[in-house]
Amino acid sequence: MDIFAQQLVNGLVLGSVYALVALGYTMVYGILELINFAHGEVTMFGAMIALAVISALTGTHAHLPGVLIALAGLLVAIPACMLLGYTIERVAYRPLRNAPRLAPLITAIGVSIVLQNVAMMIWGREYIPFPSILPSGHHHLFGARITDVQIAILVTALLLMLGLTLLVQRTRLGRAMRATAQSPQLAGLMGVNANAVISLTFIIGSGLAAIAGFMVSAYYGLAHYYMGFLLGLKAFTAAVLGGIGKIGGAMLGGLLLGVIESLGAGYIGDFTHGFLGSNYQDVFAFFVLIAVLIVRPSGLLGVAAGERA
């Protein structure tokens, strides 16, 4: 097996998940200039809710096809997370719309902690295994082994990213989102309901987060009440890497971060002569974050201060 090809495949799969979560960060920042640190916990809730439904159906309707059971769990998780995202925006952020920037940032961290503890009270502290209901076939591509689950994650993520791009660029809602991002006040004078647009941004981002949470739990075979914290930090890093506030930047940053992390995990043992192992792969995300903030704080596709957009 070609190690480079295998790690590249693993990185693209992982990066596509990071990109979906990063899109939620970058859409909210693009409109409100707010870092929604609770977004990772929305992802976690998506995984937990989907797993709860899947576990219930596996116990009572075991005769149903596994893919159908998984789809049912996802279809419950998506609207649940959309409602959660709307509630967070309406209750925690909208009252602070005109407050100093530090206030909503602290609130976002508080909401994140609250959601973690709510999940812990509902589902407990233990890791929840993902039932073995999905196809377990695999294929070989350029010396790499790719599973059916990985293919499904890649294809679904790419379709969602394409769909979101078309939504933002080609639809009336997308024009309203772009106008609100430029100036909510001027958009309001042109007949755009800025509050509705902001709420819809949270709703769309939360729906993508639910799908990403389901993908992560299916890929790794488990879920945990604390899983959203590190995933959210990595997705935030991906958004910063690509240029936070840019839809294309979140996609590019997520894919690049996934590949960097996966390749680093695959070769760190060789580079350090066995001193460090693949369990140190998480450090690469934060090395990337530090490097980007030092070299190009605006990100790869971002517009630096003083440059023309």
C-alpha atoms as a PDB file:
ATOM      1  CA  MET A   1       0.000   0.000   0.000  1.00  0.00           C
ATOM      2  CA  ASP A   2       1.293   3.468  -0.908  1.00  0.00           C
ATOM      3  CA  ILE A   3       1.499   5.399   2.378  1.00  0.00           C
ATOM      4  CA  PHE A   4       1.423   8.806   0.696  1.00  0.00           C
ATOM      5  CA  ALA A   5      -1.659   7.961  -1.386  1.00  0.00           C
ATOM      6  CA  GLN A   6      -3.415   6.474   1.643  1.00  0.00           C
ATOM      7  CA  GLN A   7      -2.738   9.490   3.831  1.00  0.00           C
ATOM      8  CA  LEU A   8      -3.810  11.798   1.003  1.00  0.00           C
ATOM      9  CA  VAL A   9      -7.162   9.999   0.756  1.00  0.00           C
ATOM     10  CA  ASN A  10      -7.584  10.077   4.529  1.00  0.00           C
ATOM     11  CA  GLY A  11      -6.701  13.771   4.552  1.00  0.00           C
ATOM     12  CA  LEU A  12      -9.221  14.665   1.853  1.00  0.00           C
ATOM     13  CA  VAL A  13     -11.975  12.813   3.707  1.00  0.00           C
ATOM     14  CA  LEU A  14     -11.104  14.483   7.004  1.00  0.00           C
ATOM     15  CA  GLY A  15     -10.624  17.841   5.306  1.00  0.00           C
ATOM     16  CA  SER A  16     -14.048  17.697   3.686  1.00  0.00           C
ATOM     17  CA  VAL A  17     -15.578  17.373   7.170  1.00  0.00           C
ATOM     18  CA  TYR A  18     -13.481  20.281   8.445  1.00  0.00           C
ATOM     19  CA  ALA A  19     -14.660  22.318   5.455  1.00  0.00           C
ATOM     20  CA  LEU A  20     -18.337  21.708   6.223  1.00  0.00           C
ATOM     21  CA  VAL A  21     -17.898  22.839   9.821  1.00  0.00           C
ATOM     22  CA  ALA A  22     -15.689  25.762   8.772  1.00  0.00           C
ATOM     23  CA  LEU A  23     -18.443  27.006   6.465  1.00  0.00           C
ATOM     24  CA  GLY A  24     -20.618  27.648   9.513  1.00  0.00           C
ATOM     25  CA  TYR A  25     -17.875  29.721  11.118  1.00  0.00           C
ATOM     26  CA  THR A  26     -17.095  31.690   7.994  1.00  0.00           C
ATOM     27  CA  MET A  27     -20.723  32.479   7.059  1.00  0.00           C
ATOM     28  CA  VAL A  28     -21.487  33.853  10.515  1.00  0.00           C
ATOM     29  CA  TYR A  29     -18.231  35.816  10.614  1.00  0.00           C
ATOM     30  CA  GLY A  30     -18.833  37.166   7.127  1.00  0.00           C
ATOM     31  CA  ILE A  31     -22.143  38.702   8.208  1.00  0.00           C
ATOM     32  CA  LEU A  32     -21.670  39.524  11.898  1.00  0.00           C
ATOM     33  CA  GLU A  33     -17.872  39.449  12.315  1.00  0.00           C
ATOM     34  CA  LEU A  34     -18.557  37.048  15.195  1.00  0.00           C
ATOM     35  CA  ILE A  35     -16.622  33.864  15.960  1.00  0.00           C
ATOM     36  CA  ASN A  36     -19.373  31.438  16.946  1.00  0.00           C
ATOM     37  CA  PHE A  37     -17.369  29.139  19.212  1.00  0.00           C
ATOM     38  CA  ALA A  38     -20.549  27.198  19.995  1.00  0.00           C
ATOM     39  CA  HIS A  39     -20.641  25.903  16.422  1.00  0.00           C
ATOM     40  CA  GLY A  40     -18.508  22.880  17.290  1.00  0.00           C
ATOM     41  CA  GLU A  41     -21.056  21.858  19.910  1.00  0.00           C
ATOM     42  CA  VAL A  42     -23.836  22.090  17.318  1.00  0.00           C
ATOM     43  CA  THR A  43     -21.802  19.580  15.316  1.00  0.00           C
ATOM     44  CA  MET A  44     -21.579  17.364  18.388  1.00  0.00           C
ATOM     45  CA  PHE A  45     -25.341  17.558  18.921  1.00  0.00           C
ATOM     46  CA  GLY A  46     -25.856  16.483  15.319  1.00  0.00           C
ATOM     47  CA  ALA A  47     -23.781  13.366  15.923  1.00  0.00           C
ATOM     48  CA  MET A  48     -25.443  12.598  19.252  1.00  0.00           C
ATOM     49  CA  ILE A  49     -29.009  13.051  18.013  1.00  0.00           C
ATOM     50  CA  ALA A  50     -28.362  10.981  14.892  1.00  0.00           C
ATOM     51  CA  LEU A  51     -26.807   8.209  16.995  1.00  0.00           C
ATOM     52  CA  ALA A  52     -29.729   8.243  19.432  1.00  0.00           C
ATOM     53  CA  VAL A  53     -32.202   7.764  16.577  1.00  0.00           C
ATOM     54  CA  ILE A  54     -30.028   5.120  14.897  1.00  0.00           C
ATOM     55  CA  SER A  55     -29.632   3.172  18.146  1.00  0.00           C
ATOM     56  CA  ALA A  56     -33.381   3.278  18.781  1.00  0.00           C
ATOM     57  CA  LEU A  57     -34.238   2.112  15.262  1.00  0.00           C
ATOM     58  CA  THR A  58     -31.548  -0.577  15.334  1.00  0.00           C
ATOM     59  CA  GLY A  59     -33.164  -2.021  18.442  1.00  0.00           C
ATOM     60  CA  THR A  60     -36.785  -1.841  17.269  1.00  0.00           C
ATOM     61  CA  HIS A  61     -36.501  -2.063  13.469  1.00  0.00           C
ATOM     62  CA  ALA A  62     -33.386  -4.173  12.971  1.00  0.00           C
ATOM     63  CA  HIS A  63     -34.865  -5.615   9.757  1.00  0.00           C
ATOM     64  CA  LEU A  64     -34.575  -2.248   7.979  1.00  0.00           C
ATOM     65  CA  PRO A  65     -31.560  -1.622   5.704  1.00  0.00           C
ATOM     66  CA  GLY A  66     -28.670  -0.010   7.572  1.00  0.00           C
ATOM     67  CA  VAL A  67     -28.392   2.870   5.113  1.00  0.00           C
ATOM     68  CA  LEU A  68     -32.077   3.691   5.629  1.00  0.00           C
ATOM     69  CA  ILE A  69     -31.649   3.687   9.415  1.00  0.00           C
ATOM     70  CA  ALA A  70     -28.624   5.968   9.146  1.00  0.00           C
ATOM     71  CA  LEU A  71     -30.524   8.292   6.811  1.00  0.00           C
ATOM     72  CA  ALA A  72     -33.411   8.453   9.290  1.00  0.00           C
ATOM     73  CA  GLY A  73     -31.015   9.484  12.044  1.00  0.00           C
ATOM     74  CA  LEU A  74     -29.529  12.174   9.825  1.00  0.00           C
ATOM     75  CA  LEU A  75     -32.953  13.496   8.812  1.00  0.00           C
ATOM     76  CA  VAL A  76     -33.840  13.961  12.474  1.00  0.00           C
ATOM     77  CA  ALA A  77     -30.484  15.513  13.390  1.00  0.00           C
ATOM     78  CA  ILE A  78     -30.512  18.152  10.634  1.00  0.00           C
ATOM     79  CA  PRO A  79     -33.737  19.995  11.607  1.00  0.00           C
ATOM     80  CA  ALA A  80     -32.910  19.565  15.312  1.00  0.00           C
ATOM     81  CA  CYS A  81     -29.553  21.292  14.819  1.00  0.00           C
ATOM     82  CA  MET A  82     -31.130  23.957  12.623  1.00  0.00           C
ATOM     83  CA  LEU A  83     -33.537  24.735  15.455  1.00  0.00           C
ATOM     84  CA  LEU A  84     -30.641  24.758  17.917  1.00  0.00           C
ATOM     85  CA  GLY A  85     -28.659  27.150  15.721  1.00  0.00           C
ATOM     86  CA  TYR A  86     -31.655  29.476  15.377  1.00  0.00           C
ATOM     87  CA  THR A  87     -32.222  29.420  19.130  1.00  0.00           C
ATOM     88  CA  ILE A  88     -28.572  30.244  19.844  1.00  0.00           C
ATOM     89  CA  GLU A  89     -28.687  33.212  17.488  1.00  0.00           C
ATOM     90  CA  ARG A  90     -32.052  34.454  18.747  1.00  0.00           C
ATOM     91  CA  VAL A  91     -31.398  34.073  22.474  1.00  0.00           C
ATOM     92  CA  ALA A  92     -27.643  34.488  22.916  1.00  0.00           C
ATOM     93  CA  TYR A  93     -26.380  36.688  20.079  1.00  0.00           C
ATOM     94  CA  ARG A  94     -29.168  38.945  18.818  1.00  0.00           C
ATOM     95  CA  PRO A  95     -29.540  40.854  22.115  1.00  0.00           C
ATOM     96  CA  LEU A  96     -25.804  41.612  21.928  1.00  0.00           C
ATOM     97  CA  ARG A  97     -25.849  42.746  18.307  1.00  0.00           C
ATOM     98  CA  ASN A  98     -24.763  46.291  19.221  1.00  0.00           C
ATOM     99  CA  ALA A  99     -22.669  45.387  22.253  1.00  0.00           C
ATOM    100  CA  PRO A 100     -18.850  45.626  22.344  1.00  0.00           C
ATOM    101  CA  ARG A 101     -17.269  42.773  20.388  1.00  0.00           C
ATOM    102  CA  LEU A 102     -15.913  41.100  23.501  1.00  0.00           C
ATOM    103  CA  ALA A 103     -19.433  40.496  24.875  1.00  0.00           C
ATOM    104  CA  PRO A 104     -20.707  38.150  22.113  1.00  0.00           C
ATOM    105  CA  LEU A 105     -17.332  36.373  22.051  1.00  0.00           C
ATOM    106  CA  ILE A 106     -17.562  35.583  25.768  1.00  0.00           C
ATOM    107  CA  THR A 107     -21.193  34.601  25.269  1.00  0.00           C
ATOM    108  CA  ALA A 108     -20.192  32.189  22.493  1.00  0.00           C
ATOM    109  CA  ILE A 109     -17.703  30.480  24.806  1.00  0.00           C
ATOM    110  CA  GLY A 110     -20.377  30.302  27.508  1.00  0.00           C
ATOM    111  CA  VAL A 111     -22.911  28.782  25.133  1.00  0.00           C
ATOM    112  CA  SER A 112     -20.312  26.201  24.098  1.00  0.00           C
ATOM    113  CA  ILE A 113     -19.752  25.147  27.721  1.00  0.00           C
ATOM    114  CA  VAL A 114     -23.497  25.027  28.400  1.00  0.00           C
ATOM    115  CA  LEU A 115     -24.130  22.796  25.379  1.00  0.00           C
ATOM    116  CA  GLN A 116     -21.312  20.456  26.403  1.00  0.00           C
ATOM    117  CA  ASN A 117     -22.816  20.025  29.857  1.00  0.00           C
ATOM    118  CA  VAL A 118     -26.342  19.579  28.498  1.00  0.00           C
ATOM    119  CA  ALA A 119     -25.068  16.826  26.199  1.00  0.00           C
ATOM    120  CA  MET A 120     -23.211  15.215  29.090  1.00  0.00           C
ATOM    121  CA  MET A 121     -26.385  15.170  31.190  1.00  0.00           C
ATOM    122  CA  ILE A 122     -28.438  13.678  28.350  1.00  0.00           C
ATOM    123  CA  TRP A 123     -26.012  11.116  26.915  1.00  0.00           C
ATOM    124  CA  GLY A 124     -23.469  10.658  29.712  1.00  0.00           C
ATOM    125  CA  ARG A 125     -19.683  10.842  29.782  1.00  0.00           C
ATOM    126  CA  GLU A 126     -18.954   7.588  27.978  1.00  0.00           C
ATOM    127  CA  TYR A 127     -18.126   7.206  24.298  1.00  0.00           C
ATOM    128  CA  ILE A 128     -21.151   6.115  22.269  1.00  0.00           C
ATOM    129  CA  PRO A 129     -20.346   3.553  19.543  1.00  0.00           C
ATOM    130  CA  PHE A 130     -21.779   3.903  16.058  1.00  0.00           C
ATOM    131  CA  PRO A 131     -23.692   0.690  15.186  1.00  0.00           C
ATOM    132  CA  SER A 132     -22.204  -1.416  12.385  1.00  0.00           C
ATOM    133  CA  ILE A 133     -25.011  -0.790   9.932  1.00  0.00           C
ATOM    134  CA  LEU A 134     -23.237   0.945   7.042  1.00  0.00           C
ATOM    135  CA  PRO A 135     -21.623  -0.870   4.096  1.00  0.00           C
ATOM    136  CA  SER A 136     -18.102  -2.031   4.905  1.00  0.00           C
ATOM    137  CA  GLY A 137     -16.814  -2.546   1.365  1.00  0.00           C
ATOM    138  CA  HIS A 138     -13.585  -1.003   0.157  1.00  0.00           C
ATOM    139  CA  HIS A 139     -11.829  -0.214  -3.098  1.00  0.00           C
ATOM    140  CA  HIS A 140      -8.241   0.408  -4.193  1.00  0.00           C
ATOM    141  CA  LEU A 141      -7.264   3.625  -5.925  1.00  0.00           C
ATOM    142  CA  PHE A 142      -3.662   4.500  -6.892  1.00  0.00           C
ATOM    143  CA  GLY A 143      -2.347   2.239  -4.160  1.00  0.00           C
ATOM    144  CA  ALA A 144      -4.696   3.592  -1.486  1.00  0.00           C
ATOM    145  CA  ARG A 145      -7.567   1.797   0.193  1.00  0.00           C
ATOM    146  CA  ILE A 146     -10.809   3.784   0.256  1.00  0.00           C
ATOM    147  CA  THR A 147     -13.968   2.550   1.957  1.00  0.00           C
ATOM    148  CA  ASP A 148     -17.586   3.028   0.964  1.00  0.00           C
ATOM    149  CA  VAL A 149     -18.078   5.328   3.958  1.00  0.00           C
ATOM    150  CA  GLN A 150     -15.141   7.510   2.882  1.00  0.00           C
ATOM    151  CA  ILE A 151     -16.505   7.749  -0.660  1.00  0.00           C
ATOM    152  CA  ALA A 152     -19.932   8.718   0.680  1.00  0.00           C
ATOM    153  CA  ILE A 153     -18.386  11.404   2.904  1.00  0.00           C
ATOM    154  CA  LEU A 154     -16.326  12.878   0.054  1.00  0.00           C
ATOM    155  CA  VAL A 155     -19.153  12.914  -2.474  1.00  0.00           C
ATOM    156  CA  THR A 156     -21.714  14.297  -0.018  1.00  0.00           C
ATOM    157  CA  ALA A 157     -19.373  17.015   1.224  1.00  0.00           C
ATOM    158  CA  LEU A 158     -18.444  18.117  -2.288  1.00  0.00           C
ATOM    159  CA  LEU A 159     -22.099  18.260  -3.342  1.00  0.00           C
ATOM    160  CA  LEU A 160     -23.002  20.286  -0.247  1.00  0.00           C
ATOM    161  CA  MET A 161     -20.139  22.721  -0.840  1.00  0.00           C
ATOM    162  CA  LEU A 162     -21.167  23.113  -4.482  1.00  0.00           C
ATOM    163  CA  GLY A 163     -24.781  23.626  -3.462  1.00  0.00           C
ATOM    164  CA  LEU A 164     -23.877  26.266  -0.895  1.00  0.00           C
ATOM    165  CA  THR A 165     -21.720  28.093  -3.435  1.00  0.00           C
ATOM    166  CA  LEU A 166     -24.618  28.187  -5.903  1.00  0.00           C
ATOM    167  CA  LEU A 167     -26.965  29.319  -3.132  1.00  0.00           C
ATOM    168  CA  VAL A 168     -24.749  32.250  -2.200  1.00  0.00           C
ATOM    169  CA  GLN A 169     -23.863  33.267  -5.765  1.00  0.00           C
ATOM    170  CA  ARG A 170     -27.019  32.571  -7.753  1.00  0.00           C
ATOM    171  CA  THR A 171     -30.092  32.949  -5.527  1.00  0.00           C
ATOM    172  CA  ARG A 172     -32.058  35.825  -4.048  1.00  0.00           C
ATOM    173  CA  LEU A 173     -31.200  34.642  -0.542  1.00  0.00           C
ATOM    174  CA  GLY A 174     -27.521  34.593  -1.476  1.00  0.00           C
ATOM    175  CA  ARG A 175     -27.704  38.179  -2.717  1.00  0.00           C
ATOM    176  CA  ALA A 176     -29.402  39.169   0.520  1.00  0.00           C
ATOM    177  CA  MET A 177     -26.668  37.431   2.528  1.00  0.00           C
ATOM    178  CA  ARG A 178     -23.942  39.219   0.580  1.00  0.00           C
ATOM    179  CA  ALA A 179     -25.708  42.571   0.949  1.00  0.00           C
ATOM    180  CA  THR A 180     -26.126  42.042   4.701  1.00  0.00           C
ATOM    181  CA  ALA A 181     -22.464  41.116   4.989  1.00  0.00           C
ATOM    182  CA  GLN A 182     -21.529  44.431   3.330  1.00  0.00           C
ATOM    183  CA  SER A 183     -23.796  46.542   5.530  1.00  0.00           C
ATOM    184  CA  PRO A 184     -26.898  45.370   7.447  1.00  0.00           C
ATOM    185  CA  GLN A 185     -28.151  48.955   7.680  1.00  0.00           C
ATOM    186  CA  LEU A 186     -27.920  49.656   3.955  1.00  0.00           C
ATOM    187  CA  ALA A 187     -29.349  46.227   3.154  1.00  0.00           C
ATOM    188  CA  GLY A 188     -32.317  47.080   5.361  1.00  0.00           C
ATOM    189  CA  LEU A 189     -32.882  50.299   3.415  1.00  0.00           C
ATOM    190  CA  MET A 190     -33.032  48.199   0.241  1.00  0.00           C
ATOM    191  CA  GLY A 191     -35.791  46.017   1.684  1.00  0.00           C
ATOM    192  CA  VAL A 192     -33.646  43.171   3.066  1.00  0.00           C
ATOM    193  CA  ASN A 193     -34.731  41.785   6.429  1.00  0.00           C
ATOM    194  CA  ALA A 194     -31.306  41.599   8.036  1.00  0.00           C
ATOM    195  CA  ASN A 195     -32.511  39.709  11.119  1.00  0.00           C
ATOM    196  CA  ALA A 196     -34.111  37.020   8.956  1.00  0.00           C
ATOM    197  CA  VAL A 197     -30.992  36.712   6.808  1.00  0.00           C
ATOM    198  CA  ILE A 198     -28.770  36.356   9.870  1.00  0.00           C
ATOM    199  CA  SER A 199     -31.081  33.723  11.342  1.00  0.00           C
ATOM    200  CA  LEU A 200     -31.098  31.799   8.066  1.00  0.00           C
ATOM    201  CA  THR A 201     -27.298  31.938   8.011  1.00  0.00           C
ATOM    202  CA  PHE A 202     -27.188  30.287  11.422  1.00  0.00           C
ATOM    203  CA  ILE A 203     -29.793  27.743  10.327  1.00  0.00           C
ATOM    204  CA  ILE A 204     -27.925  26.768   7.155  1.00  0.00           C
ATOM    205  CA  GLY A 205     -24.597  26.558   8.971  1.00  0.00           C
ATOM    206  CA  SER A 206     -26.146  24.417  11.704  1.00  0.00           C
ATOM    207  CA  GLY A 207     -27.643  22.047   9.138  1.00  0.00           C
ATOM    208  CA  LEU A 208     -24.202  21.560   7.590  1.00  0.00           C
ATOM    209  CA  ALA A 209     -22.768  21.041  11.080  1.00  0.00           C
ATOM    210  CA  ALA A 210     -25.294  18.273  11.756  1.00  0.00           C
ATOM    211  CA  ILE A 211     -24.235  16.464   8.599  1.00  0.00           C
ATOM    212  CA  ALA A 212     -20.561  16.910   9.510  1.00  0.00           C
ATOM    213  CA  GLY A 213     -21.177  15.535  13.003  1.00  0.00           C
ATOM    214  CA  PHE A 214     -22.879  12.484  11.549  1.00  0.00           C
ATOM    215  CA  MET A 215     -19.965  11.996   9.142  1.00  0.00           C
ATOM    216  CA  VAL A 216     -17.383  12.180  11.934  1.00  0.00           C
ATOM    217  CA  SER A 217     -19.236   9.672  14.110  1.00  0.00           C
ATOM    218  CA  ALA A 218     -19.695   7.293  11.152  1.00  0.00           C
ATOM    219  CA  TYR A 219     -16.040   7.653  10.109  1.00  0.00           C
ATOM    220  CA  TYR A 220     -14.529   7.075  13.536  1.00  0.00           C
ATOM    221  CA  GLY A 221     -17.287   4.762  14.781  1.00  0.00           C
ATOM    222  CA  LEU A 222     -18.130   6.716  17.935  1.00  0.00           C
ATOM    223  CA  ALA A 223     -19.351  10.000  19.383  1.00  0.00           C
ATOM    224  CA  HIS A 224     -18.749  11.847  22.644  1.00  0.00           C
ATOM    225  CA  TYR A 225     -20.164  14.918  24.374  1.00  0.00           C
ATOM    226  CA  TYR A 226     -16.745  16.641  24.131  1.00  0.00           C
ATOM    227  CA  MET A 227     -16.066  15.820  20.465  1.00  0.00           C
ATOM    228  CA  GLY A 228     -17.243  19.206  19.203  1.00  0.00           C
ATOM    229  CA  PHE A 229     -14.596  21.206  21.056  1.00  0.00           C
ATOM    230  CA  LEU A 230     -11.502  20.001  19.198  1.00  0.00           C
ATOM    231  CA  LEU A 231     -13.401  19.596  15.927  1.00  0.00           C
ATOM    232  CA  GLY A 232     -14.621  23.171  16.236  1.00  0.00           C
ATOM    233  CA  LEU A 233     -11.121  24.494  16.896  1.00  0.00           C
ATOM    234  CA  LYS A 234      -9.780  22.679  13.845  1.00  0.00           C
ATOM    235  CA  ALA A 235     -12.621  23.950  11.675  1.00  0.00           C
ATOM    236  CA  PHE A 236     -11.948  27.470  12.945  1.00  0.00           C
ATOM    237  CA  THR A 237      -8.291  26.975  12.028  1.00  0.00           C
ATOM    238  CA  ALA A 238      -9.396  25.866   8.554  1.00  0.00           C
ATOM    239  CA  ALA A 239     -11.549  28.979   8.189  1.00  0.00           C
ATOM    240  CA  VAL A 240      -8.636  31.215   9.213  1.00  0.00           C
ATOM    241  CA  LEU A 241      -6.264  29.335   6.887  1.00  0.00           C
ATOM    242  CA  GLY A 242      -8.514  29.866   3.885  1.00  0.00           C
ATOM    243  CA  GLY A 243      -9.593  33.392   4.824  1.00  0.00           C
ATOM    244  CA  ILE A 244     -12.383  33.673   7.357  1.00  0.00           C
ATOM    245  CA  GLY A 245     -15.472  35.247   5.880  1.00  0.00           C
ATOM    246  CA  LYS A 246     -14.814  33.671   2.468  1.00  0.00           C
ATOM    247  CA  ILE A 247     -16.916  30.651   1.456  1.00  0.00           C
ATOM    248  CA  GLY A 248     -14.228  29.395  -0.922  1.00  0.00           C
ATOM    249  CA  GLY A 249     -11.610  30.002   1.744  1.00  0.00           C
ATOM    250  CA  ALA A 250     -13.379  27.728   4.227  1.00  0.00           C
ATOM    251  CA  MET A 251     -13.549  24.940   1.648  1.00  0.00           C
ATOM    252  CA  LEU A 252      -9.896  25.328   0.622  1.00  0.00           C
ATOM    253  CA  GLY A 253      -8.726  25.690   4.214  1.00  0.00           C
ATOM    254  CA  GLY A 254     -10.617  22.618   5.363  1.00  0.00           C
ATOM    255  CA  LEU A 255      -9.242  20.393   2.630  1.00  0.00           C
ATOM    256  CA  LEU A 256      -5.688  21.686   3.081  1.00  0.00           C
ATOM    257  CA  LEU A 257      -5.804  21.279   6.844  1.00  0.00           C
ATOM    258  CA  GLY A 258      -7.092  17.713   6.553  1.00  0.00           C
ATOM    259  CA  VAL A 259      -4.309  16.782   4.120  1.00  0.00           C
ATOM    260  CA  ILE A 260      -1.611  18.491   6.224  1.00  0.00           C
ATOM    261  CA  GLU A 261      -2.797  16.784   9.381  1.00  0.00           C
ATOM    262  CA  SER A 262      -3.070  13.369   7.754  1.00  0.00           C
ATOM    263  CA  LEU A 263       0.326  13.554   6.052  1.00  0.00           C
ATOM    264  CA  GLY A 264       1.869  14.802   9.270  1.00  0.00           C
ATOM    265  CA  ALA A 265       0.397  11.883  11.207  1.00  0.00           C
ATOM    266  CA  GLY A 266       1.695   9.454   8.601  1.00  0.00           C
ATOM    267  CA  TYR A 267       5.273  10.722   8.509  1.00  0.00           C
ATOM    268  CA  ILE A 268       5.924  12.289  11.914  1.00  0.00           C
ATOM    269  CA  GLY A 269       7.303   8.987  13.211  1.00  0.00           C
ATOM    270  CA  ASP A 270       9.863   8.835  10.415  1.00  0.00           C
ATOM    271  CA  PHE A 271      10.864  12.474  10.812  1.00  0.00           C
ATOM    272  CA  THR A 272      11.380  12.148  14.580  1.00  0.00           C
ATOM    273  CA  HIS A 273      12.830   8.616  14.433  1.00  0.00           C
ATOM    274  CA  GLY A 274       9.957   7.237  16.475  1.00  0.00           C
ATOM    275  CA  PHE A 275      10.087   9.922  19.185  1.00  0.00           C
ATOM    276  CA  LEU A 276       6.622  11.216  18.209  1.00  0.00           C
ATOM    277  CA  GLY A 277       3.751   9.084  16.945  1.00  0.00           C
ATOM    278  CA  SER A 278       0.568   9.628  14.959  1.00  0.00           C
ATOM    279  CA  ASN A 279      -1.272  10.499  18.192  1.00  0.00           C
ATOM    280  CA  TYR A 280       0.376  13.932  17.908  1.00  0.00           C
ATOM    281  CA  GLN A 281      -1.502  14.720  14.699  1.00  0.00           C
ATOM    282  CA  ASP A 282      -3.662  17.362  16.390  1.00  0.00           C
ATOM    283  CA  VAL A 283      -0.676  19.667  16.894  1.00  0.00           C
ATOM    284  CA  PHE A 284      -0.377  20.229  13.141  1.00  0.00           C
ATOM    285  CA  ALA A 285      -3.675  22.125  13.043  1.00  0.00           C
ATOM    286  CA  PHE A 286      -2.413  24.610  15.589  1.00  0.00           C
ATOM    287  CA  PHE A 287       1.021  24.898  14.014  1.00  0.00           C
ATOM    288  CA  VAL A 288      -0.809  25.862  10.830  1.00  0.00           C
ATOM    289  CA  LEU A 289      -2.947  28.396  12.723  1.00  0.00           C
ATOM    290  CA  ILE A 290       0.116  30.050  14.268  1.00  0.00           C
ATOM    291  CA  ALA A 291       1.976  30.114  10.959  1.00  0.00           C
ATOM    292  CA  VAL A 292      -0.957  31.652   9.082  1.00  0.00           C
ATOM    293  CA  LEU A 293      -1.513  34.320  11.734  1.00  0.00           C
ATOM    294  CA  ILE A 294       2.179  35.252  11.536  1.00  0.00           C
ATOM    295  CA  VAL A 295       2.692  35.120   7.765  1.00  0.00           C
ATOM    296  CA  ARG A 296      -0.739  36.056   6.359  1.00  0.00           C
ATOM    297  CA  PRO A 297      -3.349  36.860   9.014  1.00  0.00           C
ATOM    298  CA  SER A 298      -6.029  37.381   6.352  1.00  0.00           C
ATOM    299  CA  GLY A 299      -5.697  33.771   5.123  1.00  0.00           C
ATOM    300  CA  LEU A 300      -4.987  32.354   1.690  1.00  0.00           C
ATOM    301  CA  LEU A 301      -8.042  33.877  -0.003  1.00  0.00           C
ATOM    302  CA  GLY A 302      -8.619  36.722   2.428  1.00  0.00           C
ATOM    303  CA  VAL A 303      -8.008  40.386   1.703  1.00  0.00           C
ATOM    304  CA  ALA A 304      -5.245  41.872   3.814  1.00  0.00           C
ATOM    305  CA  ALA A 305      -5.606  45.289   5.396  1.00  0.00           C
ATOM    306  CA  GLY A 306      -4.740  47.939   2.842  1.00  0.00           C
ATOM    307  CA  GLU A 307      -5.455  45.694  -0.143  1.00  0.00           C
ATOM    308  CA  ARG A 308      -8.388  46.203  -2.470  1.00  0.00           C
ATOM    309  CA  ALA A 309     -11.128  43.561  -2.371  1.00  0.00           C
END
